[in-house]
């Protein structure tokens, strides 16, 4: 029996769907490639820091301190550097505290218990238990306390003064690691922040455009796909906050980066509001998809406001990268608010009104990201909507 031709998709619909799929694949591929390139760059910098720190730590301990086999020094140097960005100074403190704790417990117990298999178990168990009770679940501190207890309880009978070797080498190695990070191969804090912010900006801008196109073409499935992409931004947000921690740390400990403190602080103020912008965009996209599913009419001005919001995110990134005034960003935000006001005056139904709330919220948060106080930002958005 011949198929009902009315049920088959029209050729132009098939072509449009194919174009959408190709465009989405290209965007995903491009984003994955850029993320991979950024990851390779970070890996190369950290690898260079670790190699240099290990060389210097071993050389100092062997040539200057006269240690025949200074294993602890390069290990501590590398352990300090491979800590997460923003946690290297903390990792150094945890390393030293863990070594000291392991030394103290091992020395006290071994004096009274002696050396042997069961003594090793008791010493290590107690060292780790005390470390956990003191610090919660700090992996670096607990690992150092446990490994120090193992070394002392197993090697002390055949190697004297191991306690001081462990303490001195660990301390010198950690200091060398910090020196390499702070003075010899310090990261560029602004480049780190810009590199981390790029995926977030790209996702927000591209998916807001997808939502606008879905509204214009009355395609609820396209809006849902954009919403799914926006919901997957948590990893980008986490990496941005980690990069901020690393940038703040390097401007604190590295004299050559002190001049960047004001720029990093500027970024920090903006990042706290970008979390809220991302949340508002997700909510707005969800209401957009719902309005299409319920076949609500959407004024062209509201669609234009979503498109302008996508442009605004890119403008903000560009002006933040240039470290200049946010004049273009602020004007773009007010354009969004004016378009929202025009859409409201044309009349909106329930889900369209919900979209307006999120657009106004995102606009206010973007203004705050540029430096305005909350009351001022809210007033500016309100006046633009009512203009």
Protein backbone atom coordinates (compact mmCIF):
# COMPACT_ATOMS: atom_id res chain seq x y z
CA UNK A 1 0.00 0.00 0.00
CA UNK A 2 1.40 3.43 -0.92
CA UNK A 3 2.49 5.61 1.94
CA UNK A 4 0.50 8.73 2.72
CA UNK A 5 2.60 11.52 1.22
CA UNK A 6 1.10 14.04 3.63
CA UNK A 7 2.89 12.30 6.49
CA UNK A 8 6.31 12.60 4.87
CA UNK A 9 8.51 15.61 5.68
CA UNK A 10 8.86 18.22 2.98
CA UNK A 11 12.26 18.43 1.23
CA UNK A 12 12.98 21.91 2.59
CA UNK A 13 12.31 20.65 6.14
CA UNK A 14 14.77 17.80 5.65
CA UNK A 15 17.40 20.20 4.33
CA UNK A 16 16.89 22.58 7.26
CA UNK A 17 17.16 19.76 9.78
CA UNK A 18 20.34 18.51 8.11
CA UNK A 19 21.85 22.00 8.24
CA UNK A 20 21.01 22.26 11.94
CA UNK A 21 22.65 18.92 12.67
CA UNK A 22 25.79 19.83 10.72
CA UNK A 23 26.02 23.22 12.46
CA UNK A 24 25.61 21.63 15.90
CA UNK A 25 28.26 19.01 15.13
CA UNK A 26 30.65 21.71 13.93
CA UNK A 27 30.10 23.75 17.08
CA UNK A 28 30.64 20.74 19.32
CA UNK A 29 33.74 19.73 17.38
CA UNK A 30 35.16 23.23 17.46
CA UNK A 31 34.51 23.60 21.16
CA UNK A 32 36.08 20.20 21.88
CA UNK A 33 39.14 21.11 19.81
CA UNK A 34 39.60 24.45 21.57
CA UNK A 35 39.17 22.82 24.97
CA UNK A 36 41.74 20.16 24.06
CA UNK A 37 44.20 22.84 22.91
CA UNK A 38 43.77 24.76 26.16
CA UNK A 39 44.27 21.56 28.14
CA UNK A 40 47.49 20.76 26.25
CA UNK A 41 48.80 24.25 26.97
CA UNK A 42 48.09 23.90 30.68
CA UNK A 43 49.68 20.43 30.76
CA UNK A 44 52.85 21.72 29.10
CA UNK A 45 53.21 24.58 31.59
CA UNK A 46 52.68 22.32 34.61
CA UNK A 47 55.04 19.69 33.18
CA UNK A 48 57.74 22.33 32.69
CA UNK A 49 57.22 23.61 36.23
CA UNK A 50 57.45 20.09 37.67
CA UNK A 51 60.57 19.20 35.72
CA UNK A 52 62.35 22.39 36.71
CA UNK A 53 61.27 22.11 40.36
CA UNK A 54 62.38 18.48 40.64
CA UNK A 55 65.78 19.32 39.14
CA UNK A 56 66.36 22.29 41.44
CA UNK A 57 65.12 20.49 44.57
CA UNK A 58 67.34 17.47 43.94
CA UNK A 59 70.32 19.64 43.06
CA UNK A 60 70.02 21.77 46.18
CA UNK A 61 69.58 18.78 48.48
CA UNK A 62 72.39 16.79 46.86
CA UNK A 63 74.96 19.47 46.09
CA UNK A 64 74.31 22.02 48.84
CA UNK A 65 72.98 19.91 51.71
CA UNK A 66 75.14 16.90 50.83
CA UNK A 67 72.32 14.34 50.80
CA UNK A 68 73.43 11.24 48.88
CA UNK A 69 69.92 10.27 47.68
CA UNK A 70 67.46 13.14 48.33
CA UNK A 71 64.23 11.43 47.29
CA UNK A 72 61.91 13.51 49.48
CA UNK A 73 62.91 16.92 48.12
CA UNK A 74 61.88 16.49 44.44
CA UNK A 75 58.79 14.55 45.52
CA UNK A 76 57.65 17.44 47.71
CA UNK A 77 58.41 19.97 44.97
CA UNK A 78 56.36 18.10 42.40
CA UNK A 79 53.55 17.45 44.90
CA UNK A 80 53.27 21.17 45.55
CA UNK A 81 53.04 22.07 41.87
CA UNK A 82 50.54 19.42 40.77
CA UNK A 83 48.07 20.62 43.38
CA UNK A 84 44.99 22.26 41.94
CA UNK A 85 45.28 25.87 40.86
CA UNK A 86 44.69 28.13 43.83
CA UNK A 87 45.65 25.45 46.36
CA UNK A 88 49.44 25.30 46.06
CA UNK A 89 50.22 27.45 49.09
CA UNK A 90 47.68 25.43 51.06
CA UNK A 91 49.18 22.17 49.74
CA UNK A 92 52.62 23.26 50.99
CA UNK A 93 51.26 23.95 54.47
CA UNK A 94 49.43 20.61 54.49
CA UNK A 95 52.56 18.81 53.33
CA UNK A 96 54.67 20.25 56.13
CA UNK A 97 51.99 19.67 58.76
CA UNK A 98 51.51 16.09 57.59
CA UNK A 99 55.24 15.37 57.70
CA UNK A 100 55.53 16.92 61.16
CA UNK A 101 52.54 14.99 62.45
CA UNK A 102 53.90 11.70 61.08
CA UNK A 103 57.30 12.40 62.62
CA UNK A 104 55.87 13.24 66.03
CA UNK A 105 53.59 10.21 66.29
CA UNK A 106 56.18 7.79 64.88
CA UNK A 107 58.95 9.02 67.16
CA UNK A 108 56.81 8.83 70.30
CA UNK A 109 55.38 5.38 69.58
CA UNK A 110 58.54 3.74 68.30
CA UNK A 111 60.43 4.75 71.43
CA UNK A 112 58.08 2.66 73.55
CA UNK A 113 56.85 -0.03 71.16
CA UNK A 114 60.07 -0.84 69.35
CA UNK A 115 60.30 -1.99 65.74
CA UNK A 116 58.42 -4.83 64.08
CA UNK A 117 55.54 -5.78 61.83
CA UNK A 118 52.69 -5.08 64.25
CA UNK A 119 54.37 -1.85 65.41
CA UNK A 120 54.34 -0.57 61.80
CA UNK A 121 50.61 -1.20 61.59
CA UNK A 122 49.90 0.58 64.89
CA UNK A 123 52.06 3.61 64.05
CA UNK A 124 50.60 4.08 60.57
CA UNK A 125 47.01 3.57 61.72
CA UNK A 126 47.36 6.07 64.56
CA UNK A 127 49.11 8.67 62.37
CA UNK A 128 46.34 8.53 59.77
CA UNK A 129 43.60 8.53 62.41
CA UNK A 130 45.01 11.62 64.11
CA UNK A 131 45.45 13.38 60.75
CA UNK A 132 41.84 12.65 59.79
CA UNK A 133 40.50 13.80 63.16
CA UNK A 134 42.51 17.03 62.99
CA UNK A 135 41.78 18.04 59.41
CA UNK A 136 38.73 16.17 58.18
CA UNK A 137 39.58 14.74 54.78
CA UNK A 138 42.62 16.67 53.53
CA UNK A 139 44.18 14.11 51.21
CA UNK A 140 47.61 15.74 51.07
CA UNK A 141 48.02 16.02 54.84
CA UNK A 142 46.77 12.51 55.54
CA UNK A 143 48.97 11.03 52.79
CA UNK A 144 52.07 12.79 54.12
CA UNK A 145 51.37 11.75 57.71
CA UNK A 146 50.83 8.13 56.67
CA UNK A 147 53.80 7.92 54.31
CA UNK A 148 56.10 9.54 56.87
CA UNK A 149 54.96 7.03 59.50
CA UNK A 150 55.63 4.16 57.08
CA UNK A 151 59.11 5.40 56.21
CA UNK A 152 60.18 5.98 59.79
CA UNK A 153 58.78 2.75 61.20
CA UNK A 154 60.41 0.65 58.47
CA UNK A 155 63.73 2.44 57.81
CA UNK A 156 64.68 3.94 61.17
CA UNK A 157 66.29 0.70 62.43
CA UNK A 158 68.78 0.73 59.53
CA UNK A 159 69.14 4.43 58.77
CA UNK A 160 69.76 7.03 61.46
CA UNK A 161 68.60 10.68 61.46
CA UNK A 162 65.91 9.85 58.91
CA UNK A 163 63.49 12.13 60.77
CA UNK A 164 65.49 15.26 60.10
CA UNK A 165 66.20 14.25 56.51
CA UNK A 166 62.52 13.77 55.86
CA UNK A 167 61.58 17.10 57.44
CA UNK A 168 64.33 19.18 55.83
CA UNK A 169 63.97 17.67 52.37
CA UNK A 170 60.17 17.96 52.41
CA UNK A 171 60.34 21.59 53.50
CA UNK A 172 63.03 22.57 51.01
CA UNK A 173 61.28 20.74 48.18
CA UNK A 174 57.96 22.46 48.90
CA UNK A 175 59.67 25.85 49.01
CA UNK A 176 61.40 25.16 45.69
CA UNK A 177 58.04 24.24 44.17
CA UNK A 178 56.53 27.53 45.31
CA UNK A 179 59.54 29.49 44.04
CA UNK A 180 59.20 27.92 40.60
CA UNK A 181 55.49 28.71 40.49
CA UNK A 182 55.93 32.23 41.84
CA UNK A 183 59.17 33.43 40.24
CA UNK A 184 60.62 31.20 37.54
CA UNK A 185 57.61 29.94 35.57
CA UNK A 186 54.58 31.85 36.91
CA UNK A 187 51.31 31.51 35.04
CA UNK A 188 49.76 34.57 33.42
CA UNK A 189 46.67 35.11 35.59
CA UNK A 190 44.70 37.02 32.97
CA UNK A 191 45.44 34.51 30.24
CA UNK A 192 44.37 31.73 32.58
CA UNK A 193 41.08 33.49 33.34
CA UNK A 194 40.38 34.33 29.72
CA UNK A 195 41.10 30.77 28.66
CA UNK A 196 38.74 29.42 31.32
CA UNK A 197 35.97 31.95 30.56
CA UNK A 198 35.95 31.28 26.81
CA UNK A 199 34.00 27.95 26.86
CA UNK A 200 31.36 29.41 29.19
CA UNK A 201 30.89 32.48 26.99
CA UNK A 202 30.76 30.38 23.84
CA UNK A 203 28.11 28.06 25.26
CA UNK A 204 25.95 30.89 26.60
CA UNK A 205 26.08 32.93 23.40
CA UNK A 206 25.61 30.05 20.96
CA UNK A 207 22.77 28.40 22.88
CA UNK A 208 20.91 31.67 23.43
CA UNK A 209 21.00 32.09 19.67
CA UNK A 210 19.64 28.57 19.35
CA UNK A 211 16.76 29.46 21.67
CA UNK A 212 16.01 32.57 19.62
CA UNK A 213 15.97 30.55 16.40
CA UNK A 214 13.76 27.93 18.03
CA UNK A 215 11.28 30.65 19.01
CA UNK A 216 11.33 32.17 15.54
CA UNK A 217 10.87 28.81 13.78
CA UNK A 218 8.39 27.50 16.37
CA UNK A 219 10.63 24.47 17.04
CA UNK A 220 10.26 23.22 20.66
CA UNK A 221 12.74 20.36 20.12
CA UNK A 222 15.44 22.82 19.15
CA UNK A 223 14.76 24.84 22.30
CA UNK A 224 15.01 21.69 24.42
CA UNK A 225 18.36 20.80 22.85
CA UNK A 226 19.66 24.27 23.64
CA UNK A 227 18.41 23.91 27.20
CA UNK A 228 20.30 20.63 27.55
CA UNK A 229 23.49 22.34 26.42
CA UNK A 230 23.00 25.14 28.93
CA UNK A 231 22.42 22.62 31.68
CA UNK A 232 25.77 21.06 30.85
CA UNK A 233 27.76 24.19 31.75
CA UNK A 234 28.60 23.13 35.31
CA UNK A 235 32.01 21.84 34.25
CA UNK A 236 32.83 25.15 32.54
CA UNK A 237 31.72 27.09 35.62
CA UNK A 238 33.82 24.90 37.92
CA UNK A 239 36.90 25.34 35.74
CA UNK A 240 36.37 29.09 35.72
CA UNK A 241 36.25 29.22 39.53
CA UNK A 242 39.34 27.01 39.73
CA UNK A 243 41.16 29.35 37.33
CA UNK A 244 40.10 32.31 39.47
CA UNK A 245 41.61 30.63 42.53
CA UNK A 246 44.86 30.05 40.65
CA UNK A 247 44.96 33.64 39.39
CA UNK A 248 44.37 35.03 42.86
CA UNK A 249 47.07 32.78 44.29
CA UNK A 250 49.72 33.71 41.74
CA UNK A 251 49.05 37.45 42.18
CA UNK A 252 49.52 36.94 45.91
CA UNK A 253 52.79 34.97 45.88
CA UNK A 254 54.46 36.10 42.64
CA UNK A 255 56.02 39.60 42.66
CA UNK A 256 56.10 39.70 38.85
CA UNK A 257 52.29 39.31 38.82
CA UNK A 258 51.41 41.76 41.60
CA UNK A 259 50.45 44.41 39.09
CA UNK A 260 47.64 42.12 37.92
CA UNK A 261 45.86 42.11 41.27
CA UNK A 262 43.40 44.82 40.30
CA UNK A 263 42.55 43.07 37.01
CA UNK A 264 42.00 39.75 38.77
CA UNK A 265 39.80 41.41 41.38
CA UNK A 266 37.78 42.92 38.54
CA UNK A 267 37.33 39.46 37.06
CA UNK A 268 36.36 38.04 40.45
CA UNK A 269 33.50 40.52 40.81
CA UNK A 270 32.26 39.67 37.35
CA UNK A 271 32.50 35.90 37.76
CA UNK A 272 30.25 35.83 40.82
CA UNK A 273 27.46 37.35 38.73
CA UNK A 274 28.10 35.15 35.67
CA UNK A 275 26.97 32.19 37.77
CA UNK A 276 23.62 33.95 38.18
CA UNK A 277 23.46 34.91 34.51
CA UNK A 278 23.97 31.29 33.53
CA UNK A 279 21.19 30.21 35.88
CA UNK A 280 18.81 32.87 34.52
CA UNK A 281 19.58 31.81 30.94
CA UNK A 282 18.78 28.21 31.78
CA UNK A 283 15.46 29.21 33.31
CA UNK A 284 14.62 31.47 30.40
CA UNK A 285 15.37 28.67 27.93
CA UNK A 286 13.17 26.28 29.88
CA UNK A 287 10.25 28.72 29.73
CA UNK A 288 10.91 29.28 26.01
CA UNK A 289 10.69 25.54 25.34
CA UNK A 290 7.51 25.32 27.41
CA UNK A 291 5.89 28.25 25.61
CA UNK A 292 6.52 26.53 22.29
CA UNK A 293 5.17 23.24 23.57
CA UNK A 294 1.97 25.05 24.60
CA UNK A 295 1.95 26.93 21.28
CA UNK A 296 2.01 30.37 22.87
CA UNK A 297 2.61 33.31 20.53
CA UNK A 298 5.93 35.05 21.09
CA UNK A 299 6.45 38.66 19.92
CA UNK A 300 9.40 39.31 17.62
CA UNK A 301 10.73 41.84 20.13
CA UNK A 302 11.12 39.10 22.75
CA UNK A 303 13.03 36.93 20.28
CA UNK A 304 15.22 39.93 19.44
CA UNK A 305 15.88 40.43 23.17
CA UNK A 306 17.20 36.86 23.45
CA UNK A 307 19.45 37.42 20.42
CA UNK A 308 20.71 40.70 21.86
CA UNK A 309 21.46 38.95 25.16
CA UNK A 310 23.63 36.46 23.26
CA UNK A 311 25.54 39.35 21.67
CA UNK A 312 25.88 41.03 25.07
CA UNK A 313 27.66 38.02 26.55
CA UNK A 314 30.26 38.18 23.78
CA UNK A 315 30.68 41.94 24.20
CA UNK A 316 31.27 41.45 27.93
CA UNK A 317 33.98 38.87 27.25
CA UNK A 318 35.69 41.16 24.74
CA UNK A 319 35.70 44.20 27.02
CA UNK A 320 36.87 42.10 29.98
CA UNK A 321 39.75 40.78 27.87
CA UNK A 322 40.73 44.33 26.89
CA UNK A 323 40.57 45.47 30.54
CA UNK A 324 38.78 48.61 29.41
CA UNK A 325 35.49 50.25 30.44
CA UNK A 326 32.30 48.25 29.98
CA UNK A 327 30.43 50.94 28.05
CA UNK A 328 29.41 48.72 25.13
CA UNK A 329 28.30 45.94 27.47
CA UNK A 330 26.13 48.30 29.49
CA UNK A 331 24.51 49.76 26.38
CA UNK A 332 23.85 46.26 25.03
CA UNK A 333 22.21 45.24 28.32
CA UNK A 334 19.91 48.26 28.16
CA UNK A 335 19.01 47.30 24.57
CA UNK A 336 17.87 43.92 25.90
CA UNK A 337 15.73 45.64 28.53
CA UNK A 338 14.17 48.00 25.96
CA UNK A 339 13.25 45.10 23.69
CA UNK A 340 11.74 43.29 26.67
CA UNK A 341 9.63 46.36 27.42
CA UNK A 342 8.34 46.52 23.84
CA UNK A 343 7.43 42.84 23.99
CA UNK A 344 5.52 43.37 27.23
CA UNK A 345 3.50 46.20 25.71
CA UNK A 346 2.44 43.91 22.86
CA UNK A 347 1.04 41.44 25.36
CA UNK A 348 2.42 38.17 26.68
CA UNK A 349 0.98 34.98 28.01
CA UNK A 350 2.13 33.07 31.09
CA UNK A 351 5.33 31.48 29.81
CA UNK A 352 6.31 34.56 27.84
CA UNK A 353 6.01 36.58 31.05
CA UNK A 354 8.22 34.03 32.80
CA UNK A 355 10.83 34.52 30.07
CA UNK A 356 10.69 38.26 30.68
CA UNK A 357 11.44 37.81 34.38
CA UNK A 358 14.57 35.80 33.60
CA UNK A 359 15.71 38.23 30.90
CA UNK A 360 15.37 41.12 33.34
CA UNK A 361 17.23 39.14 35.99
CA UNK A 362 20.07 38.32 33.58
CA UNK A 363 20.24 41.97 32.48
CA UNK A 364 20.54 43.20 36.06
CA UNK A 365 23.24 40.63 36.86
CA UNK A 366 25.21 41.59 33.74
CA UNK A 367 25.16 45.23 34.82
CA UNK A 368 26.40 44.20 38.25
CA UNK A 369 29.16 42.19 36.57
CA UNK A 370 30.35 45.47 35.01
CA UNK A 371 30.63 47.12 38.42
CA UNK A 372 27.22 48.62 39.20
CA UNK A 373 25.65 48.21 42.64
CA UNK A 374 22.49 46.11 42.90
CA UNK A 375 20.07 49.01 43.39
CA UNK A 376 21.56 50.96 40.50
CA UNK A 377 21.48 47.97 38.16
CA UNK A 378 17.87 47.14 39.01
CA UNK A 379 16.82 50.77 38.52
CA UNK A 380 18.55 51.02 35.14
CA UNK A 381 16.86 47.85 33.88
CA UNK A 382 13.47 48.96 35.18
CA UNK A 383 13.74 52.37 33.52
CA UNK A 384 14.85 50.81 30.21
CA UNK A 385 11.94 48.35 30.26
CA UNK A 386 9.47 51.16 30.89
CA UNK A 387 11.02 53.57 28.38
